[in-house]
Protein backbone atom coordinates (compact mmCIF):
# COMPACT_ATOMS: atom_id res chain seq x y z
CA MET A 1 0.78 -17.29 7.11
CA LEU A 2 2.18 -16.81 3.63
CA ILE A 3 3.13 -19.95 1.74
CA LEU A 4 5.12 -20.39 -1.41
CA ALA A 5 3.87 -23.04 -3.80
CA THR A 6 5.45 -24.25 -7.00
CA GLY A 7 3.62 -25.62 -9.98
CA ALA A 8 4.94 -27.05 -13.23
CA GLU A 9 5.35 -23.60 -14.74
CA LYS A 10 4.84 -20.97 -12.03
CA VAL A 11 5.75 -19.99 -8.51
CA TYR A 12 3.24 -18.11 -6.37
CA SER A 13 2.65 -17.20 -2.76
CA CYS A 14 -0.60 -16.88 -0.89
CA CYS A 15 -2.08 -16.47 2.57
CA THR A 16 -3.40 -19.61 4.20
CA GLN A 17 -4.24 -17.81 7.45
CA VAL A 18 -5.12 -14.21 8.26
CA SER A 19 -4.69 -11.93 11.23
CA LYS A 20 -7.22 -9.52 12.73
CA LYS A 21 -4.43 -7.64 14.49
CA LYS A 22 -3.70 -4.10 13.28
CA ILE A 23 -0.34 -3.77 11.50
CA ASP A 24 2.27 -1.59 13.20
CA ALA A 25 4.79 -1.48 10.32
CA ALA A 26 4.55 1.14 7.56
CA ILE A 27 2.16 -0.05 4.85
CA LEU A 28 3.40 0.57 1.31
CA GLY A 29 0.55 -0.99 -0.66
CA TYR A 30 -1.93 -3.84 -0.77
CA ARG A 31 -3.52 -6.49 -2.92
CA VAL A 32 -6.65 -8.57 -2.53
CA GLN A 33 -6.43 -12.35 -2.54
CA LYS A 34 -9.48 -14.40 -3.50
CA TRP A 35 -10.36 -17.71 -1.90
CA ASN A 36 -8.73 -20.57 -3.79
CA PRO A 37 -7.68 -23.41 -1.44
CA PRO A 38 -5.24 -23.61 0.17
CA CYS A 39 -5.30 -19.81 -0.16
CA VAL A 40 -7.89 -17.91 1.90
CA LYS A 41 -9.72 -14.65 1.15
CA ALA A 42 -7.46 -11.89 2.45
CA VAL A 43 -6.04 -8.42 2.04
CA ILE A 44 -2.27 -8.68 1.74
CA PHE A 45 -0.56 -5.51 2.88
CA GLU A 46 2.94 -4.87 1.58
CA THR A 47 4.92 -3.49 4.50
CA GLU A 48 8.51 -2.55 5.21
CA ASP A 49 8.69 -5.87 7.09
CA GLY A 50 7.28 -7.89 4.18
CA PRO A 51 3.77 -9.01 3.25
CA LYS A 52 1.13 -9.33 5.99
CA CYS A 53 -2.10 -11.31 5.60
CA SER A 54 -5.10 -9.51 7.09
CA HIS A 55 -8.75 -10.47 7.52
CA TRP A 56 -10.76 -8.70 4.84
CA LYS A 57 -13.77 -8.03 7.12
CA GLU A 58 -11.90 -5.99 9.74
CA ASP A 59 -12.93 -2.31 9.91
CA TRP A 60 -9.32 -1.11 10.14
CA VAL A 61 -8.46 -3.09 6.97
CA PHE A 62 -11.29 -1.41 5.05
CA GLN A 63 -10.23 2.03 6.31
CA LYS A 64 -6.58 1.43 5.35
CA VAL A 65 -7.55 0.25 1.85
CA MET A 66 -9.70 3.40 1.38
CA GLU A 67 -6.79 5.56 2.59
CA LEU A 68 -4.36 3.88 0.18
CA GLU A 69 -6.80 4.24 -2.74
CA LYS A 70 -7.32 7.94 -1.98
CA ALA A 71 -3.55 8.48 -1.90
CA ARG A 72 -3.18 6.58 -5.20
CA ARG A 73 -5.86 8.71 -6.89
CA THR A 74 -4.28 11.90 -5.56
CA GLN A 75 -0.88 10.77 -6.86
CA ALA A 76 -2.35 9.97 -10.29
CA VAL A 77 -3.96 13.41 -10.57
CA SER A 78 -0.89 15.32 -9.40
CA SER A 79 1.43 13.44 -11.75
CA SER A 80 -0.54 14.28 -14.91
CA PRO A 81 0.95 17.11 -17.04
CA THR A 82 -1.88 19.59 -16.37
CA GLY A 83 -2.46 18.62 -12.75
CA THR A 84 -5.86 17.15 -13.58
CA ALA A 85 -6.92 13.68 -14.49
CA MET A 86 -6.43 13.00 -18.17
CA SER A 87 -9.35 11.85 -20.27
CA PRO A 88 -9.49 10.68 -23.85
CA LYS A 89 -9.95 13.34 -26.53
CA PRO A 90 -13.52 13.58 -27.77
CA SER A 91 -14.03 12.32 -31.28
CA VAL A 92 -14.78 15.00 -33.83
CA PRO A 93 -16.92 13.99 -36.82
CA LEU A 94 -15.32 14.76 -40.18
């Protein structure tokens, strides 16, 4: 369950319950939510159907996060001008 809470200066949403069920919708991204009552520890997958709160200890959740991270790293490398990861220039003493 995703709730929306309002404070004096900010609006935020968080998961108060998680599911162990595998997500059928296309997953576009994710974020990790730390435990901070009423919010529970969770992986929030961004899907075409909206955010889904998943239990962080499920094997399929771990595998999906690794898959998304690998795709992100591949995208970062392929989008650099030379096709390789960019690193800072070494300093040359004068």
